[in-house]
Amino acid sequence: MKKNIPIITLIIVLVLGITWTVVAQKPDLPPPPPLPDLNKTLAQPNATATPQPDEKRPDDIPAPSVTPIPFKEVIDKSADGTAQEDKSEYIVRRANGDYVQIWTSAETFEKQEGKTVEEILGLSKGDEIITAFPPLRLMQPPPMLEDK
């Protein structure tokens, strides 16, 4: 058993030496390319910056603004007499690029059970629902319970 210890030690030293030699011969990887300067690449000529709460802005720079979506038409598919706060709103971009606002109510969907939203809204191939808002009544906080 004692005769095997030097042989085992020699084998371990040889394996470690060969491993170290192979690892040491790998070429170093080049450093990654530098990141682009986002201030130069994203700058647009007439863009207005997002204001910071504590930022002082010179008087000659206009404040940021939001451009409203130009709707070609507003379609109301809800039942007559439905209150505005009970209507859902869908904003749709037509295949030709026009934007349409569609109002629906829960009754509209109940009458046409089994159809997809696109079929109920009357969308054509290529039309895309951009966003959908639930009825305003569902987005309001519940009434406060009075202490009894």
N, C-alpha and C. Protein backbone atom coordinates (compact mmCIF):
# COMPACT_ATOMS: atom_id res chain seq x y z
N MET A 1 0.82 -1.19 0.00
CA MET A 1 0.00 0.00 0.00
C MET A 1 0.86 1.26 0.00
N LYS A 2 1.98 1.22 0.79
CA LYS A 2 2.85 2.37 0.86
C LYS A 2 3.59 2.58 -0.46
N LYS A 3 3.77 1.52 -1.27
CA LYS A 3 4.44 1.64 -2.55
C LYS A 3 3.56 2.38 -3.56
N ASN A 4 2.25 2.32 -3.38
CA ASN A 4 1.31 2.96 -4.32
C ASN A 4 1.18 4.46 -4.08
N ILE A 5 1.49 4.94 -2.91
CA ILE A 5 1.31 6.37 -2.59
C ILE A 5 2.19 7.24 -3.50
N PRO A 6 3.45 6.96 -3.71
CA PRO A 6 4.24 7.82 -4.63
C PRO A 6 3.71 7.77 -6.06
N ILE A 7 3.24 6.63 -6.49
CA ILE A 7 2.71 6.52 -7.86
C ILE A 7 1.43 7.34 -7.99
N ILE A 8 0.56 7.25 -7.01
CA ILE A 8 -0.69 8.03 -7.04
C ILE A 8 -0.38 9.52 -6.99
N THR A 9 0.57 9.91 -6.16
CA THR A 9 0.96 11.32 -6.08
C THR A 9 1.52 11.80 -7.42
N LEU A 10 2.35 10.97 -8.06
CA LEU A 10 2.92 11.32 -9.35
C LEU A 10 1.82 11.48 -10.40
N ILE A 11 0.85 10.60 -10.41
CA ILE A 11 -0.26 10.69 -11.38
C ILE A 11 -1.06 11.97 -11.15
N ILE A 12 -1.35 12.31 -9.91
CA ILE A 12 -2.11 13.54 -9.60
C ILE A 12 -1.34 14.77 -10.04
N VAL A 13 -0.02 14.78 -9.79
CA VAL A 13 0.80 15.92 -10.19
C VAL A 13 0.83 16.05 -11.70
N LEU A 14 0.97 14.92 -12.41
CA LEU A 14 0.96 14.96 -13.87
C LEU A 14 -0.37 15.46 -14.43
N VAL A 15 -1.50 14.98 -13.88
CA VAL A 15 -2.82 15.41 -14.35
C VAL A 15 -3.00 16.91 -14.11
N LEU A 16 -2.63 17.38 -12.93
CA LEU A 16 -2.75 18.82 -12.63
C LEU A 16 -1.83 19.64 -13.51
N GLY A 17 -0.62 19.15 -13.79
CA GLY A 17 0.32 19.88 -14.65
C GLY A 17 -0.19 19.97 -16.07
N ILE A 18 -0.70 18.87 -16.59
CA ILE A 18 -1.22 18.87 -17.96
C ILE A 18 -2.45 19.78 -18.05
N THR A 19 -3.33 19.72 -17.08
CA THR A 19 -4.52 20.57 -17.07
C THR A 19 -4.13 22.04 -17.03
N TRP A 20 -3.16 22.37 -16.19
CA TRP A 20 -2.73 23.77 -16.08
C TRP A 20 -2.11 24.25 -17.39
N THR A 21 -1.34 23.39 -18.06
CA THR A 21 -0.72 23.75 -19.33
C THR A 21 -1.77 23.99 -20.41
N VAL A 22 -2.78 23.14 -20.46
CA VAL A 22 -3.83 23.28 -21.48
C VAL A 22 -4.63 24.56 -21.23
N VAL A 23 -4.96 24.81 -19.99
CA VAL A 23 -5.75 26.01 -19.66
C VAL A 23 -4.92 27.26 -19.91
N ALA A 24 -3.64 27.24 -19.63
CA ALA A 24 -2.80 28.41 -19.80
C ALA A 24 -2.60 28.75 -21.27
N GLN A 25 -2.77 27.78 -22.17
CA GLN A 25 -2.53 28.03 -23.58
C GLN A 25 -3.74 28.60 -24.30
N LYS A 26 -4.90 28.71 -23.64
CA LYS A 26 -6.07 29.29 -24.29
C LYS A 26 -5.84 30.79 -24.49
N PRO A 27 -6.15 31.29 -25.68
CA PRO A 27 -5.95 32.74 -25.90
C PRO A 27 -6.96 33.55 -25.10
N ASP A 28 -6.53 34.73 -24.71
CA ASP A 28 -7.44 35.63 -23.99
C ASP A 28 -8.49 36.16 -24.94
N LEU A 29 -9.72 36.26 -24.47
CA LEU A 29 -10.79 36.81 -25.29
C LEU A 29 -10.63 38.31 -25.39
N PRO A 30 -10.94 38.87 -26.55
CA PRO A 30 -10.84 40.33 -26.67
C PRO A 30 -11.93 41.00 -25.84
N PRO A 31 -11.70 42.23 -25.41
CA PRO A 31 -12.73 42.90 -24.61
C PRO A 31 -13.97 43.18 -25.46
N PRO A 32 -15.13 43.27 -24.84
CA PRO A 32 -16.35 43.55 -25.62
C PRO A 32 -16.29 44.94 -26.22
N PRO A 33 -17.02 45.15 -27.31
CA PRO A 33 -17.00 46.48 -27.93
C PRO A 33 -17.64 47.50 -26.99
N PRO A 34 -17.27 48.76 -27.13
CA PRO A 34 -17.84 49.78 -26.24
C PRO A 34 -19.32 49.97 -26.53
N LEU A 35 -20.08 50.34 -25.49
CA LEU A 35 -21.51 50.60 -25.65
C LEU A 35 -21.72 51.90 -26.39
N PRO A 36 -22.78 52.00 -27.18
CA PRO A 36 -23.03 53.25 -27.90
C PRO A 36 -23.43 54.37 -26.94
N ASP A 37 -23.14 55.58 -27.34
CA ASP A 37 -23.52 56.75 -26.54
C ASP A 37 -25.00 57.03 -26.82
N LEU A 38 -25.86 56.72 -25.87
CA LEU A 38 -27.30 56.84 -26.08
C LEU A 38 -27.72 58.29 -26.26
N ASN A 39 -26.99 59.23 -25.72
CA ASN A 39 -27.36 60.64 -25.89
C ASN A 39 -27.22 61.07 -27.34
N LYS A 40 -26.28 60.48 -28.07
CA LYS A 40 -26.09 60.85 -29.47
C LYS A 40 -27.00 60.05 -30.40
N THR A 41 -27.18 58.74 -30.10
CA THR A 41 -27.94 57.90 -31.03
C THR A 41 -29.45 58.11 -30.92
N LEU A 42 -29.96 58.47 -29.74
CA LEU A 42 -31.39 58.62 -29.58
C LEU A 42 -31.88 60.05 -29.71
N ALA A 43 -30.97 60.98 -29.88
CA ALA A 43 -31.38 62.38 -29.95
C ALA A 43 -32.18 62.63 -31.22
N GLN A 44 -33.32 63.28 -31.08
CA GLN A 44 -34.15 63.63 -32.21
C GLN A 44 -34.21 65.16 -32.29
N PRO A 45 -34.30 65.71 -33.49
CA PRO A 45 -34.17 67.16 -33.62
C PRO A 45 -35.19 67.99 -32.84
N ASN A 46 -36.46 67.62 -32.86
CA ASN A 46 -37.48 68.45 -32.21
C ASN A 46 -38.10 67.78 -31.00
N ALA A 47 -37.42 66.80 -30.42
CA ALA A 47 -37.98 66.08 -29.28
C ALA A 47 -37.94 66.94 -28.03
N THR A 48 -38.99 66.81 -27.22
CA THR A 48 -39.00 67.50 -25.93
C THR A 48 -38.68 66.49 -24.85
N ALA A 49 -37.83 66.87 -23.94
CA ALA A 49 -37.39 65.95 -22.90
C ALA A 49 -38.46 65.79 -21.83
N THR A 50 -38.41 64.67 -21.15
CA THR A 50 -39.32 64.45 -20.03
C THR A 50 -38.83 65.28 -18.85
N PRO A 51 -39.68 66.12 -18.28
CA PRO A 51 -39.21 66.98 -17.19
C PRO A 51 -39.01 66.19 -15.90
N GLN A 52 -38.07 66.61 -15.13
CA GLN A 52 -37.84 66.06 -13.80
C GLN A 52 -38.53 66.97 -12.79
N PRO A 53 -39.00 66.42 -11.66
CA PRO A 53 -39.74 67.23 -10.69
C PRO A 53 -38.97 68.45 -10.18
N ASP A 54 -37.67 68.32 -9.99
CA ASP A 54 -36.90 69.43 -9.43
C ASP A 54 -36.09 70.17 -10.48
N GLU A 55 -36.38 69.93 -11.76
CA GLU A 55 -35.60 70.52 -12.84
C GLU A 55 -36.13 71.92 -13.18
N LYS A 56 -35.22 72.84 -13.33
CA LYS A 56 -35.59 74.19 -13.78
C LYS A 56 -35.42 74.22 -15.29
N ARG A 57 -36.44 74.67 -15.98
CA ARG A 57 -36.45 74.67 -17.44
C ARG A 57 -36.41 76.11 -17.93
N PRO A 58 -35.55 76.40 -18.90
CA PRO A 58 -35.53 77.76 -19.45
C PRO A 58 -36.87 78.09 -20.11
N ASP A 59 -37.19 79.37 -20.17
CA ASP A 59 -38.48 79.80 -20.72
C ASP A 59 -38.60 79.56 -22.22
N ASP A 60 -37.48 79.49 -22.94
CA ASP A 60 -37.56 79.34 -24.38
C ASP A 60 -37.73 77.89 -24.84
N ILE A 61 -37.69 76.91 -23.90
CA ILE A 61 -37.89 75.51 -24.25
C ILE A 61 -39.35 75.13 -23.94
N PRO A 62 -40.09 74.63 -24.94
CA PRO A 62 -41.50 74.29 -24.69
C PRO A 62 -41.62 73.07 -23.78
N ALA A 63 -42.73 73.02 -23.06
CA ALA A 63 -43.01 71.88 -22.17
C ALA A 63 -43.37 70.65 -22.99
N PRO A 64 -43.11 69.46 -22.50
CA PRO A 64 -43.51 68.25 -23.21
C PRO A 64 -45.03 68.20 -23.37
N SER A 65 -45.47 67.62 -24.47
CA SER A 65 -46.90 67.54 -24.71
C SER A 65 -47.26 66.14 -25.20
N VAL A 66 -48.53 65.81 -25.11
CA VAL A 66 -49.04 64.54 -25.58
C VAL A 66 -49.93 64.81 -26.78
N THR A 67 -49.67 64.09 -27.86
CA THR A 67 -50.47 64.26 -29.07
C THR A 67 -51.63 63.28 -29.02
N PRO A 68 -52.88 63.76 -29.09
CA PRO A 68 -54.02 62.84 -29.03
C PRO A 68 -54.12 62.01 -30.32
N ILE A 69 -54.73 60.84 -30.18
CA ILE A 69 -54.94 59.97 -31.33
C ILE A 69 -56.07 60.56 -32.19
N PRO A 70 -55.83 60.75 -33.47
CA PRO A 70 -56.90 61.27 -34.34
C PRO A 70 -57.85 60.14 -34.76
N PHE A 71 -59.03 60.07 -34.11
CA PHE A 71 -60.00 59.02 -34.44
C PHE A 71 -60.76 59.40 -35.70
N LYS A 72 -60.83 58.46 -36.67
CA LYS A 72 -61.61 58.68 -37.88
C LYS A 72 -63.10 58.65 -37.57
N GLU A 73 -63.50 57.74 -36.65
CA GLU A 73 -64.90 57.65 -36.26
C GLU A 73 -65.02 57.02 -34.88
N VAL A 74 -66.15 57.28 -34.25
CA VAL A 74 -66.47 56.69 -32.95
C VAL A 74 -67.72 55.84 -33.16
N ILE A 75 -67.63 54.55 -32.86
CA ILE A 75 -68.74 53.63 -33.08
C ILE A 75 -69.27 53.20 -31.72
N ASP A 76 -70.58 53.35 -31.51
CA ASP A 76 -71.20 52.94 -30.25
C ASP A 76 -72.04 51.70 -30.52
N LYS A 77 -71.57 50.54 -30.05
CA LYS A 77 -72.28 49.27 -30.24
C LYS A 77 -73.09 48.88 -29.01
N SER A 78 -73.17 49.76 -28.03
CA SER A 78 -73.91 49.44 -26.81
C SER A 78 -75.41 49.69 -27.02
N ALA A 79 -76.20 49.11 -26.15
CA ALA A 79 -77.65 49.26 -26.23
C ALA A 79 -78.03 50.72 -25.93
N ASP A 80 -79.14 51.15 -26.52
CA ASP A 80 -79.62 52.51 -26.27
C ASP A 80 -79.92 52.69 -24.79
N GLY A 81 -79.57 53.83 -24.27
CA GLY A 81 -79.86 54.14 -22.88
C GLY A 81 -78.78 53.67 -21.91
N THR A 82 -77.71 53.06 -22.42
CA THR A 82 -76.63 52.62 -21.53
C THR A 82 -75.82 53.84 -21.10
N ALA A 83 -75.60 53.95 -19.79
CA ALA A 83 -74.84 55.08 -19.27
C ALA A 83 -73.39 54.99 -19.74
N GLN A 84 -72.74 56.13 -19.93
CA GLN A 84 -71.37 56.17 -20.43
C GLN A 84 -70.41 55.43 -19.49
N GLU A 85 -70.64 55.49 -18.19
CA GLU A 85 -69.73 54.82 -17.26
C GLU A 85 -69.89 53.30 -17.26
N ASP A 86 -70.91 52.76 -17.98
CA ASP A 86 -71.11 51.32 -18.11
C ASP A 86 -70.60 50.78 -19.44
N LYS A 87 -69.93 51.62 -20.24
CA LYS A 87 -69.45 51.21 -21.56
C LYS A 87 -67.95 50.94 -21.52
N SER A 88 -67.54 49.87 -22.21
CA SER A 88 -66.12 49.56 -22.41
C SER A 88 -65.65 50.29 -23.66
N GLU A 89 -64.38 50.66 -23.67
CA GLU A 89 -63.83 51.39 -24.81
C GLU A 89 -62.72 50.56 -25.45
N TYR A 90 -62.77 50.43 -26.76
CA TYR A 90 -61.74 49.76 -27.53
C TYR A 90 -61.16 50.75 -28.52
N ILE A 91 -59.84 50.81 -28.60
CA ILE A 91 -59.18 51.63 -29.61
C ILE A 91 -58.59 50.66 -30.63
N VAL A 92 -58.99 50.83 -31.88
CA VAL A 92 -58.64 49.89 -32.94
C VAL A 92 -57.90 50.65 -34.03
N ARG A 93 -56.81 50.01 -34.52
CA ARG A 93 -56.11 50.55 -35.70
C ARG A 93 -56.52 49.70 -36.88
N ARG A 94 -57.17 50.34 -37.84
CA ARG A 94 -57.63 49.63 -39.04
C ARG A 94 -56.44 49.26 -39.91
N ALA A 95 -56.65 48.36 -40.84
CA ALA A 95 -55.58 47.90 -41.74
C ALA A 95 -55.04 49.06 -42.58
N ASN A 96 -55.87 50.07 -42.86
CA ASN A 96 -55.42 51.20 -43.67
C ASN A 96 -54.73 52.28 -42.84
N GLY A 97 -54.59 52.07 -41.50
CA GLY A 97 -53.88 53.02 -40.64
C GLY A 97 -54.77 53.96 -39.86
N ASP A 98 -56.08 53.97 -40.15
CA ASP A 98 -57.01 54.84 -39.42
C ASP A 98 -57.25 54.28 -38.02
N TYR A 99 -57.51 55.18 -37.08
CA TYR A 99 -57.84 54.79 -35.72
C TYR A 99 -59.35 54.97 -35.49
N VAL A 100 -59.95 53.98 -34.82
CA VAL A 100 -61.39 54.00 -34.55
C VAL A 100 -61.58 53.73 -33.06
N GLN A 101 -62.55 54.42 -32.48
CA GLN A 101 -62.91 54.21 -31.08
C GLN A 101 -64.26 53.50 -31.07
N ILE A 102 -64.32 52.34 -30.37
CA ILE A 102 -65.56 51.56 -30.34
C ILE A 102 -66.01 51.43 -28.89
N TRP A 103 -67.29 51.77 -28.65
CA TRP A 103 -67.88 51.65 -27.31
C TRP A 103 -68.80 50.45 -27.30
N THR A 104 -68.70 49.61 -26.27
CA THR A 104 -69.58 48.46 -26.12
C THR A 104 -70.07 48.38 -24.68
N SER A 105 -71.07 47.54 -24.48
CA SER A 105 -71.57 47.32 -23.12
C SER A 105 -71.61 45.81 -22.87
N ALA A 106 -71.87 45.43 -21.65
CA ALA A 106 -71.95 44.01 -21.31
C ALA A 106 -73.06 43.33 -22.10
N GLU A 107 -74.15 44.04 -22.35
CA GLU A 107 -75.27 43.46 -23.11
C GLU A 107 -74.85 43.10 -24.53
N THR A 108 -73.94 43.86 -25.11
CA THR A 108 -73.47 43.58 -26.46
C THR A 108 -72.82 42.21 -26.52
N PHE A 109 -72.05 41.87 -25.51
CA PHE A 109 -71.37 40.58 -25.48
C PHE A 109 -72.32 39.45 -25.10
N GLU A 110 -73.31 39.73 -24.24
CA GLU A 110 -74.26 38.70 -23.84
C GLU A 110 -75.13 38.26 -25.01
N LYS A 111 -75.51 39.19 -25.88
CA LYS A 111 -76.36 38.87 -27.03
C LYS A 111 -75.63 38.00 -28.04
N GLN A 112 -74.30 38.15 -28.13
CA GLN A 112 -73.53 37.46 -29.15
C GLN A 112 -72.58 36.44 -28.53
N GLU A 113 -73.10 35.66 -27.60
CA GLU A 113 -72.29 34.68 -26.89
C GLU A 113 -71.72 33.65 -27.87
N GLY A 114 -70.46 33.29 -27.69
CA GLY A 114 -69.81 32.31 -28.55
C GLY A 114 -68.97 32.94 -29.64
N LYS A 115 -69.10 34.23 -29.88
CA LYS A 115 -68.31 34.91 -30.90
C LYS A 115 -67.05 35.49 -30.26
N THR A 116 -66.04 35.72 -31.08
CA THR A 116 -64.81 36.34 -30.58
C THR A 116 -65.01 37.85 -30.46
N VAL A 117 -64.11 38.50 -29.74
CA VAL A 117 -64.19 39.95 -29.58
C VAL A 117 -64.09 40.64 -30.93
N GLU A 118 -63.22 40.12 -31.80
CA GLU A 118 -63.06 40.73 -33.12
C GLU A 118 -64.35 40.65 -33.92
N GLU A 119 -65.08 39.52 -33.83
CA GLU A 119 -66.34 39.38 -34.54
C GLU A 119 -67.40 40.32 -33.97
N ILE A 120 -67.44 40.44 -32.65
CA ILE A 120 -68.44 41.31 -32.02
C ILE A 120 -68.18 42.77 -32.38
N LEU A 121 -66.90 43.17 -32.42
CA LEU A 121 -66.57 44.56 -32.75
C LEU A 121 -66.66 44.83 -34.25
N GLY A 122 -66.77 43.78 -35.07
CA GLY A 122 -66.88 43.96 -36.52
C GLY A 122 -65.55 44.32 -37.16
N LEU A 123 -64.46 43.72 -36.68
CA LEU A 123 -63.15 44.04 -37.23
C LEU A 123 -62.89 43.23 -38.49
N SER A 124 -62.15 43.83 -39.40
CA SER A 124 -61.77 43.17 -40.65
C SER A 124 -60.39 42.54 -40.48
N LYS A 125 -59.97 41.78 -41.49
CA LYS A 125 -58.65 41.18 -41.46
C LYS A 125 -57.61 42.31 -41.52
N GLY A 126 -56.66 42.28 -40.63
CA GLY A 126 -55.63 43.32 -40.58
C GLY A 126 -55.90 44.39 -39.53
N ASP A 127 -57.14 44.46 -39.03
CA ASP A 127 -57.45 45.41 -37.96
C ASP A 127 -56.85 44.89 -36.65
N GLU A 128 -56.41 45.82 -35.81
CA GLU A 128 -55.73 45.43 -34.57
C GLU A 128 -56.28 46.23 -33.40
N ILE A 129 -56.62 45.53 -32.32
CA ILE A 129 -57.05 46.21 -31.10
C ILE A 129 -55.80 46.73 -30.42
N ILE A 130 -55.70 48.04 -30.28
CA ILE A 130 -54.53 48.65 -29.66
C ILE A 130 -54.65 48.59 -28.14
N THR A 131 -55.80 48.96 -27.62
CA THR A 131 -56.02 48.93 -26.18
C THR A 131 -57.50 48.79 -25.89
N ALA A 132 -57.80 48.31 -24.70
CA ALA A 132 -59.19 48.16 -24.27
C ALA A 132 -59.28 48.67 -22.84
N PHE A 133 -60.30 49.46 -22.58
CA PHE A 133 -60.53 49.99 -21.24
C PHE A 133 -61.84 49.42 -20.70
N PRO A 134 -61.84 48.97 -19.45
CA PRO A 134 -63.09 48.47 -18.86
C PRO A 134 -64.03 49.64 -18.59
N PRO A 135 -65.27 49.35 -18.28
CA PRO A 135 -66.20 50.44 -17.96
C PRO A 135 -65.69 51.27 -16.79
N LEU A 136 -65.95 52.56 -16.84
CA LEU A 136 -65.50 53.48 -15.80
C LEU A 136 -66.05 53.08 -14.43
N ARG A 137 -67.27 52.55 -14.42
CA ARG A 137 -67.88 52.15 -13.15
C ARG A 137 -67.05 51.07 -12.45
N LEU A 138 -66.38 50.20 -13.23
CA LEU A 138 -65.55 49.15 -12.63
C LEU A 138 -64.21 49.69 -12.13
N MET A 139 -63.79 50.83 -12.65
CA MET A 139 -62.49 51.38 -12.25
C MET A 139 -62.60 52.32 -11.06
N GLN A 140 -63.79 52.65 -10.63
CA GLN A 140 -63.97 53.54 -9.49
C GLN A 140 -63.84 52.75 -8.20
N PRO A 141 -63.36 53.40 -7.14
CA PRO A 141 -63.28 52.69 -5.87
C PRO A 141 -64.67 52.39 -5.34
N PRO A 142 -64.80 51.32 -4.56
CA PRO A 142 -66.11 50.99 -4.01
C PRO A 142 -66.56 52.06 -3.01
N PRO A 143 -67.88 52.22 -2.82
CA PRO A 143 -68.34 53.23 -1.87
C PRO A 143 -67.90 52.85 -0.46
N MET A 144 -67.62 53.85 0.32
CA MET A 144 -67.17 53.64 1.70
C MET A 144 -68.33 53.12 2.54
N LEU A 145 -68.02 52.18 3.40
CA LEU A 145 -69.04 51.66 4.30
C LEU A 145 -69.18 52.60 5.47
N GLU A 146 -70.40 52.92 5.78
CA GLU A 146 -70.65 53.84 6.89
C GLU A 146 -70.58 53.09 8.21
N ASP A 147 -70.05 53.74 9.23
CA ASP A 147 -70.00 53.14 10.57
C ASP A 147 -71.41 53.07 11.12
N LYS A 148 -71.71 51.94 11.71
CA LYS A 148 -73.06 51.79 12.27
C LYS A 148 -73.02 51.89 13.76
